Amino acid sequence: MGSVEDCYDNSMIESFWSRMQVELLDRMKWKTRVALANAMFDYLEIWHDRRRRHSQLGRLTPIAFERVSTITVA
């Protein structure tokens, strides 16, 4: 991450919001704010954090990465 008032401060969250907009928000309309909030929660907790492949993890899902990775505690 960048330092304070650096151009890199917002790049990661802006990238996330643009992906979320393309993958979730632009695909349908919700009748209530509660339905939208539930859809966003499901996207974050189920799809993005558990099943979506991440380039920084070697194109593995976080769960698959944890299975193949070993943690060394010093």
PDB file of N, CA and C in Angstrom:
ATOM      1  N   MET A   1       0.844  -1.181   0.000  1.00  0.00           N
ATOM      2  CA  MET A   1       0.000   0.000   0.000  1.00  0.00           C
ATOM      3  C   MET A   1       0.880   1.231   0.000  1.00  0.00           C
ATOM      4  N   GLY A   2       0.346   2.299  -0.493  1.00  0.00           N
ATOM      5  CA  GLY A   2       1.082   3.545  -0.558  1.00  0.00           C
ATOM      6  C   GLY A   2       1.054   4.285   0.760  1.00  0.00           C
ATOM      7  N   SER A   3       1.815   5.342   0.806  1.00  0.00           N
ATOM      8  CA  SER A   3       1.823   6.184   1.999  1.00  0.00           C
ATOM      9  C   SER A   3       0.616   7.130   1.958  1.00  0.00           C
ATOM     10  N   VAL A   4       0.456   7.944   2.985  1.00  0.00           N
ATOM     11  CA  VAL A   4      -0.680   8.853   3.068  1.00  0.00           C
ATOM     12  C   VAL A   4      -0.655   9.811   1.880  1.00  0.00           C
ATOM     13  N   GLU A   5      -1.827  10.020   1.283  1.00  0.00           N
ATOM     14  CA  GLU A   5      -2.017  10.893   0.131  1.00  0.00           C
ATOM     15  C   GLU A   5      -1.217  10.444  -1.082  1.00  0.00           C
ATOM     16  N   ASP A   6      -0.949   9.169  -1.160  1.00  0.00           N
ATOM     17  CA  ASP A   6      -0.247   8.592  -2.301  1.00  0.00           C
ATOM     18  C   ASP A   6      -1.288   8.098  -3.299  1.00  0.00           C
ATOM     19  N   CYS A   7      -0.936   8.069  -4.564  1.00  0.00           N
ATOM     20  CA  CYS A   7      -1.899   7.648  -5.579  1.00  0.00           C
ATOM     21  C   CYS A   7      -2.247   6.168  -5.461  1.00  0.00           C
ATOM     22  N   TYR A   8      -1.477   5.381  -4.712  1.00  0.00           N
ATOM     23  CA  TYR A   8      -1.742   3.956  -4.588  1.00  0.00           C
ATOM     24  C   TYR A   8      -2.686   3.623  -3.429  1.00  0.00           C
ATOM     25  N   ASP A   9      -3.096   4.618  -2.641  1.00  0.00           N
ATOM     26  CA  ASP A   9      -3.946   4.364  -1.479  1.00  0.00           C
ATOM     27  C   ASP A   9      -5.261   3.687  -1.857  1.00  0.00           C
ATOM     28  N   ASN A  10      -5.892   4.134  -2.913  1.00  0.00           N
ATOM     29  CA  ASN A  10      -7.228   3.655  -3.244  1.00  0.00           C
ATOM     30  C   ASN A  10      -7.263   2.630  -4.368  1.00  0.00           C
ATOM     31  N   SER A  11      -6.146   2.302  -4.954  1.00  0.00           N
ATOM     32  CA  SER A  11      -6.176   1.452  -6.141  1.00  0.00           C
ATOM     33  C   SER A  11      -6.739   0.069  -5.862  1.00  0.00           C
ATOM     34  N   MET A  12      -6.416  -0.522  -4.726  1.00  0.00           N
ATOM     35  CA  MET A  12      -6.898  -1.863  -4.435  1.00  0.00           C
ATOM     36  C   MET A  12      -8.411  -1.871  -4.214  1.00  0.00           C
ATOM     37  N   ILE A  13      -8.932  -0.923  -3.452  1.00  0.00           N
ATOM     38  CA  ILE A  13     -10.374  -0.906  -3.194  1.00  0.00           C
ATOM     39  C   ILE A  13     -11.145  -0.500  -4.443  1.00  0.00           C
ATOM     40  N   GLU A  14     -10.584   0.384  -5.263  1.00  0.00           N
ATOM     41  CA  GLU A  14     -11.238   0.751  -6.513  1.00  0.00           C
ATOM     42  C   GLU A  14     -11.305  -0.442  -7.454  1.00  0.00           C
ATOM     43  N   SER A  15     -10.266  -1.239  -7.482  1.00  0.00           N
ATOM     44  CA  SER A  15     -10.258  -2.453  -8.290  1.00  0.00           C
ATOM     45  C   SER A  15     -11.327  -3.425  -7.786  1.00  0.00           C
ATOM     46  N   PHE A  16     -11.424  -3.585  -6.475  1.00  0.00           N
ATOM     47  CA  PHE A  16     -12.437  -4.466  -5.892  1.00  0.00           C
ATOM     48  C   PHE A  16     -13.839  -4.001  -6.253  1.00  0.00           C
ATOM     49  N   TRP A  17     -14.138  -2.702  -6.081  1.00  0.00           N
ATOM     50  CA  TRP A  17     -15.482  -2.189  -6.355  1.00  0.00           C
ATOM     51  C   TRP A  17     -15.827  -2.331  -7.827  1.00  0.00           C
ATOM     52  N   SER A  18     -14.855  -2.138  -8.719  1.00  0.00           N
ATOM     53  CA  SER A  18     -15.156  -2.293 -10.143  1.00  0.00           C
ATOM     54  C   SER A  18     -15.472  -3.746 -10.472  1.00  0.00           C
ATOM     55  N   ARG A  19     -14.733  -4.694  -9.874  1.00  0.00           N
ATOM     56  CA  ARG A  19     -15.034  -6.117 -10.080  1.00  0.00           C
ATOM     57  C   ARG A  19     -16.406  -6.467  -9.533  1.00  0.00           C
ATOM     58  N   MET A  20     -16.722  -5.956  -8.353  1.00  0.00           N
ATOM     59  CA  MET A  20     -18.017  -6.257  -7.745  1.00  0.00           C
ATOM     60  C   MET A  20     -19.149  -5.677  -8.583  1.00  0.00           C
ATOM     61  N   GLN A  21     -18.935  -4.518  -9.151  1.00  0.00           N
ATOM     62  CA  GLN A  21     -19.972  -3.917  -9.973  1.00  0.00           C
ATOM     63  C   GLN A  21     -20.222  -4.757 -11.227  1.00  0.00           C
ATOM     64  N   VAL A  22     -19.160  -5.226 -11.871  1.00  0.00           N
ATOM     65  CA  VAL A  22     -19.314  -6.034 -13.082  1.00  0.00           C
ATOM     66  C   VAL A  22     -19.882  -7.413 -12.761  1.00  0.00           C
ATOM     67  N   GLU A  23     -19.390  -8.044 -11.699  1.00  0.00           N
ATOM     68  CA  GLU A  23     -19.780  -9.413 -11.383  1.00  0.00           C
ATOM     69  C   GLU A  23     -21.117  -9.521 -10.650  1.00  0.00           C
ATOM     70  N   LEU A  24     -21.580  -8.456 -10.007  1.00  0.00           N
ATOM     71  CA  LEU A  24     -22.803  -8.553  -9.209  1.00  0.00           C
ATOM     72  C   LEU A  24     -23.793  -7.426  -9.492  1.00  0.00           C
ATOM     73  N   LEU A  25     -23.383  -6.198  -9.298  1.00  0.00           N
ATOM     74  CA  LEU A  25     -24.325  -5.092  -9.267  1.00  0.00           C
ATOM     75  C   LEU A  25     -24.953  -4.779 -10.619  1.00  0.00           C
ATOM     76  N   ASP A  26     -24.212  -4.952 -11.710  1.00  0.00           N
ATOM     77  CA  ASP A  26     -24.750  -4.637 -13.031  1.00  0.00           C
ATOM     78  C   ASP A  26     -25.607  -5.751 -13.610  1.00  0.00           C
ATOM     79  N   ARG A  27     -25.703  -6.882 -12.939  1.00  0.00           N
ATOM     80  CA  ARG A  27     -26.402  -8.032 -13.498  1.00  0.00           C
ATOM     81  C   ARG A  27     -27.893  -8.082 -13.187  1.00  0.00           C
ATOM     82  N   MET A  28     -28.338  -7.394 -12.159  1.00  0.00           N
ATOM     83  CA  MET A  28     -29.763  -7.411 -11.832  1.00  0.00           C
ATOM     84  C   MET A  28     -30.148  -6.201 -10.986  1.00  0.00           C
ATOM     85  N   LYS A  29     -31.452  -6.028 -10.788  1.00  0.00           N
ATOM     86  CA  LYS A  29     -31.964  -4.950  -9.947  1.00  0.00           C
ATOM     87  C   LYS A  29     -32.613  -5.575  -8.726  1.00  0.00           C
ATOM     88  N   TRP A  30     -32.460  -4.921  -7.605  1.00  0.00           N
ATOM     89  CA  TRP A  30     -33.032  -5.412  -6.357  1.00  0.00           C
ATOM     90  C   TRP A  30     -34.220  -4.541  -5.977  1.00  0.00           C
ATOM     91  N   LYS A  31     -35.226  -5.170  -5.383  1.00  0.00           N
ATOM     92  CA  LYS A  31     -36.445  -4.453  -5.017  1.00  0.00           C
ATOM     93  C   LYS A  31     -36.285  -3.669  -3.722  1.00  0.00           C
ATOM     94  N   THR A  32     -35.429  -4.153  -2.822  1.00  0.00           N
ATOM     95  CA  THR A  32     -35.244  -3.472  -1.541  1.00  0.00           C
ATOM     96  C   THR A  32     -33.759  -3.343  -1.229  1.00  0.00           C
ATOM     97  N   ARG A  33     -33.465  -2.456  -0.322  1.00  0.00           N
ATOM     98  CA  ARG A  33     -32.072  -2.312   0.132  1.00  0.00           C
ATOM     99  C   ARG A  33     -31.607  -3.548   0.892  1.00  0.00           C
ATOM    100  N   VAL A  34     -32.517  -4.193   1.568  1.00  0.00           N
ATOM    101  CA  VAL A  34     -32.178  -5.407   2.311  1.00  0.00           C
ATOM    102  C   VAL A  34     -31.751  -6.508   1.338  1.00  0.00           C
ATOM    103  N   ALA A  35     -32.463  -6.645   0.239  1.00  0.00           N
ATOM    104  CA  ALA A  35     -32.099  -7.652  -0.771  1.00  0.00           C
ATOM    105  C   ALA A  35     -30.729  -7.341  -1.356  1.00  0.00           C
ATOM    106  N   LEU A  36     -30.451  -6.075  -1.621  1.00  0.00           N
ATOM    107  CA  LEU A  36     -29.140  -5.677  -2.126  1.00  0.00           C
ATOM    108  C   LEU A  36     -28.059  -5.949  -1.092  1.00  0.00           C
ATOM    109  N   ALA A  37     -28.322  -5.604   0.155  1.00  0.00           N
ATOM    110  CA  ALA A  37     -27.343  -5.848   1.222  1.00  0.00           C
ATOM    111  C   ALA A  37     -27.055  -7.335   1.365  1.00  0.00           C
ATOM    112  N   ASN A  38     -28.084  -8.169   1.279  1.00  0.00           N
ATOM    113  CA  ASN A  38     -27.888  -9.617   1.355  1.00  0.00           C
ATOM    114  C   ASN A  38     -27.085 -10.139   0.171  1.00  0.00           C
ATOM    115  N   ALA A  39     -27.337  -9.613  -1.015  1.00  0.00           N
ATOM    116  CA  ALA A  39     -26.583 -10.027  -2.196  1.00  0.00           C
ATOM    117  C   ALA A  39     -25.114  -9.619  -2.070  1.00  0.00           C
ATOM    118  N   MET A  40     -24.867  -8.427  -1.563  1.00  0.00           N
ATOM    119  CA  MET A  40     -23.484  -7.982  -1.375  1.00  0.00           C
ATOM    120  C   MET A  40     -22.780  -8.827  -0.317  1.00  0.00           C
ATOM    121  N   PHE A  41     -23.478  -9.161   0.750  1.00  0.00           N
ATOM    122  CA  PHE A  41     -22.892 -10.011   1.782  1.00  0.00           C
ATOM    123  C   PHE A  41     -22.536 -11.379   1.217  1.00  0.00           C
ATOM    124  N   ASP A  42     -23.460 -11.976   0.471  1.00  0.00           N
ATOM    125  CA  ASP A  42     -23.192 -13.279  -0.143  1.00  0.00           C
ATOM    126  C   ASP A  42     -22.007 -13.201  -1.100  1.00  0.00           C
ATOM    127  N   TYR A  43     -21.950 -12.127  -1.881  1.00  0.00           N
ATOM    128  CA  TYR A  43     -20.831 -11.965  -2.817  1.00  0.00           C
ATOM    129  C   TYR A  43     -19.508 -11.916  -2.065  1.00  0.00           C
ATOM    130  N   LEU A  44     -19.464 -11.132  -1.009  1.00  0.00           N
ATOM    131  CA  LEU A  44     -18.215 -10.975  -0.253  1.00  0.00           C
ATOM    132  C   LEU A  44     -17.835 -12.238   0.501  1.00  0.00           C
ATOM    133  N   GLU A  45     -18.753 -12.756   1.273  1.00  0.00           N
ATOM    134  CA  GLU A  45     -18.431 -13.858   2.176  1.00  0.00           C
ATOM    135  C   GLU A  45     -18.363 -15.222   1.495  1.00  0.00           C
ATOM    136  N   ILE A  46     -19.171 -15.422   0.478  1.00  0.00           N
ATOM    137  CA  ILE A  46     -19.212 -16.743  -0.150  1.00  0.00           C
ATOM    138  C   ILE A  46     -18.396 -16.778  -1.434  1.00  0.00           C
ATOM    139  N   TRP A  47     -18.631 -15.857  -2.338  1.00  0.00           N
ATOM    140  CA  TRP A  47     -17.952 -15.912  -3.634  1.00  0.00           C
ATOM    141  C   TRP A  47     -16.543 -15.335  -3.563  1.00  0.00           C
ATOM    142  N   HIS A  48     -16.406 -14.092  -3.200  1.00  0.00           N
ATOM    143  CA  HIS A  48     -15.100 -13.415  -3.283  1.00  0.00           C
ATOM    144  C   HIS A  48     -14.087 -13.982  -2.311  1.00  0.00           C
ATOM    145  N   ASP A  49     -14.481 -14.192  -1.078  1.00  0.00           N
ATOM    146  CA  ASP A  49     -13.524 -14.624  -0.064  1.00  0.00           C
ATOM    147  C   ASP A  49     -13.247 -16.124  -0.062  1.00  0.00           C
ATOM    148  N   ARG A  50     -14.145 -16.934  -0.622  1.00  0.00           N
ATOM    149  CA  ARG A  50     -13.961 -18.385  -0.527  1.00  0.00           C
ATOM    150  C   ARG A  50     -13.734 -19.078  -1.859  1.00  0.00           C
ATOM    151  N   ARG A  51     -14.485 -18.695  -2.899  1.00  0.00           N
ATOM    152  CA  ARG A  51     -14.443 -19.476  -4.136  1.00  0.00           C
ATOM    153  C   ARG A  51     -13.774 -18.781  -5.309  1.00  0.00           C
ATOM    154  N   ARG A  52     -13.613 -17.466  -5.261  1.00  0.00           N
ATOM    155  CA  ARG A  52     -13.026 -16.753  -6.387  1.00  0.00           C
ATOM    156  C   ARG A  52     -11.523 -16.998  -6.425  1.00  0.00           C
ATOM    157  N   ARG A  53     -10.999 -17.282  -7.618  1.00  0.00           N
ATOM    158  CA  ARG A  53      -9.560 -17.489  -7.756  1.00  0.00           C
ATOM    159  C   ARG A  53      -8.849 -16.153  -7.692  1.00  0.00           C
ATOM    160  N   HIS A  54      -7.720 -16.129  -7.004  1.00  0.00           N
ATOM    161  CA  HIS A  54      -6.963 -14.898  -6.829  1.00  0.00           C
ATOM    162  C   HIS A  54      -5.600 -15.028  -7.494  1.00  0.00           C
ATOM    163  N   SER A  55      -5.214 -14.015  -8.238  1.00  0.00           N
ATOM    164  CA  SER A  55      -3.935 -14.064  -8.950  1.00  0.00           C
ATOM    165  C   SER A  55      -2.754 -14.110  -7.983  1.00  0.00           C
ATOM    166  N   GLN A  56      -2.862 -13.489  -6.832  1.00  0.00           N
ATOM    167  CA  GLN A  56      -1.767 -13.486  -5.865  1.00  0.00           C
ATOM    168  C   GLN A  56      -1.600 -14.834  -5.168  1.00  0.00           C
ATOM    169  N   LEU A  57      -2.560 -15.726  -5.336  1.00  0.00           N
ATOM    170  CA  LEU A  57      -2.488 -17.054  -4.722  1.00  0.00           C
ATOM    171  C   LEU A  57      -2.211 -18.126  -5.768  1.00  0.00           C
ATOM    172  N   GLY A  58      -1.651 -17.717  -6.908  1.00  0.00           N
ATOM    173  CA  GLY A  58      -1.350 -18.679  -7.953  1.00  0.00           C
ATOM    174  C   GLY A  58      -2.594 -19.185  -8.657  1.00  0.00           C
ATOM    175  N   ARG A  59      -3.621 -18.316  -8.789  1.00  0.00           N
ATOM    176  CA  ARG A  59      -4.896 -18.644  -9.424  1.00  0.00           C
ATOM    177  C   ARG A  59      -5.655 -19.747  -8.688  1.00  0.00           C
ATOM    178  N   LEU A  60      -5.436 -19.854  -7.380  1.00  0.00           N
ATOM    179  CA  LEU A  60      -6.166 -20.796  -6.543  1.00  0.00           C
ATOM    180  C   LEU A  60      -7.203 -20.043  -5.731  1.00  0.00           C
ATOM    181  N   THR A  61      -8.209 -20.775  -5.287  1.00  0.00           N
ATOM    182  CA  THR A  61      -9.145 -20.177  -4.345  1.00  0.00           C
ATOM    183  C   THR A  61      -8.446 -20.095  -2.989  1.00  0.00           C
ATOM    184  N   PRO A  62      -8.879 -19.221  -2.100  1.00  0.00           N
ATOM    185  CA  PRO A  62      -8.245 -19.162  -0.785  1.00  0.00           C
ATOM    186  C   PRO A  62      -8.283 -20.492  -0.039  1.00  0.00           C
ATOM    187  N   ILE A  63      -9.362 -21.229  -0.165  1.00  0.00           N
ATOM    188  CA  ILE A  63      -9.464 -22.524   0.521  1.00  0.00           C
ATOM    189  C   ILE A  63      -8.457 -23.513  -0.053  1.00  0.00           C
ATOM    190  N   ALA A  64      -8.339 -23.568  -1.389  1.00  0.00           N
ATOM    191  CA  ALA A  64      -7.369 -24.468  -2.019  1.00  0.00           C
ATOM    192  C   ALA A  64      -5.946 -24.059  -1.668  1.00  0.00           C
ATOM    193  N   PHE A  65      -5.697 -22.759  -1.614  1.00  0.00           N
ATOM    194  CA  PHE A  65      -4.364 -22.271  -1.264  1.00  0.00           C
ATOM    195  C   PHE A  65      -3.995 -22.682   0.160  1.00  0.00           C
ATOM    196  N   GLU A  66      -4.944 -22.605   1.079  1.00  0.00           N
ATOM    197  CA  GLU A  66      -4.672 -23.016   2.455  1.00  0.00           C
ATOM    198  C   GLU A  66      -4.402 -24.510   2.557  1.00  0.00           C
ATOM    199  N   ARG A  67      -5.050 -25.302   1.718  1.00  0.00           N
ATOM    200  CA  ARG A  67      -4.827 -26.743   1.727  1.00  0.00           C
ATOM    201  C   ARG A  67      -3.415 -27.108   1.284  1.00  0.00           C
ATOM    202  N   VAL A  68      -2.897 -26.417   0.267  1.00  0.00           N
ATOM    203  CA  VAL A  68      -1.595 -26.790  -0.291  1.00  0.00           C
ATOM    204  C   VAL A  68      -0.440 -26.049   0.374  1.00  0.00           C
ATOM    205  N   SER A  69      -0.730 -25.003   1.090  1.00  0.00           N
ATOM    206  CA  SER A  69       0.327 -24.210   1.719  1.00  0.00           C
ATOM    207  C   SER A  69       0.593 -24.721   3.135  1.00  0.00           C
ATOM    208  N   THR A  70       1.844 -24.651   3.523  1.00  0.00           N
ATOM    209  CA  THR A  70       2.195 -24.976   4.895  1.00  0.00           C
ATOM    210  C   THR A  70       2.598 -23.702   5.601  1.00  0.00           C
ATOM    211  N   ILE A  71       2.201 -23.595   6.830  1.00  0.00           N
ATOM    212  CA  ILE A  71       2.526 -22.412   7.621  1.00  0.00           C
ATOM    213  C   ILE A  71       3.683 -22.743   8.529  1.00  0.00           C
ATOM    214  N   THR A  72       4.709 -21.928   8.454  1.00  0.00           N
ATOM    215  CA  THR A  72       5.875 -22.126   9.312  1.00  0.00           C
ATOM    216  C   THR A  72       5.847 -21.061  10.406  1.00  0.00           C
ATOM    217  N   VAL A  73       5.859 -21.501  11.637  1.00  0.00           N
ATOM    218  CA  VAL A  73       5.854 -20.592  12.766  1.00  0.00           C
ATOM    219  C   VAL A  73       7.255 -20.583  13.359  1.00  0.00           C
ATOM    220  N   ALA A  74       7.816 -19.395  13.458  1.00  0.00           N
ATOM    221  CA  ALA A  74       9.190 -19.294  13.985  1.00  0.00           C
ATOM    222  C   ALA A  74       9.193 -19.265  15.492  1.00  0.00           C
TER     223      ALA A  74
END
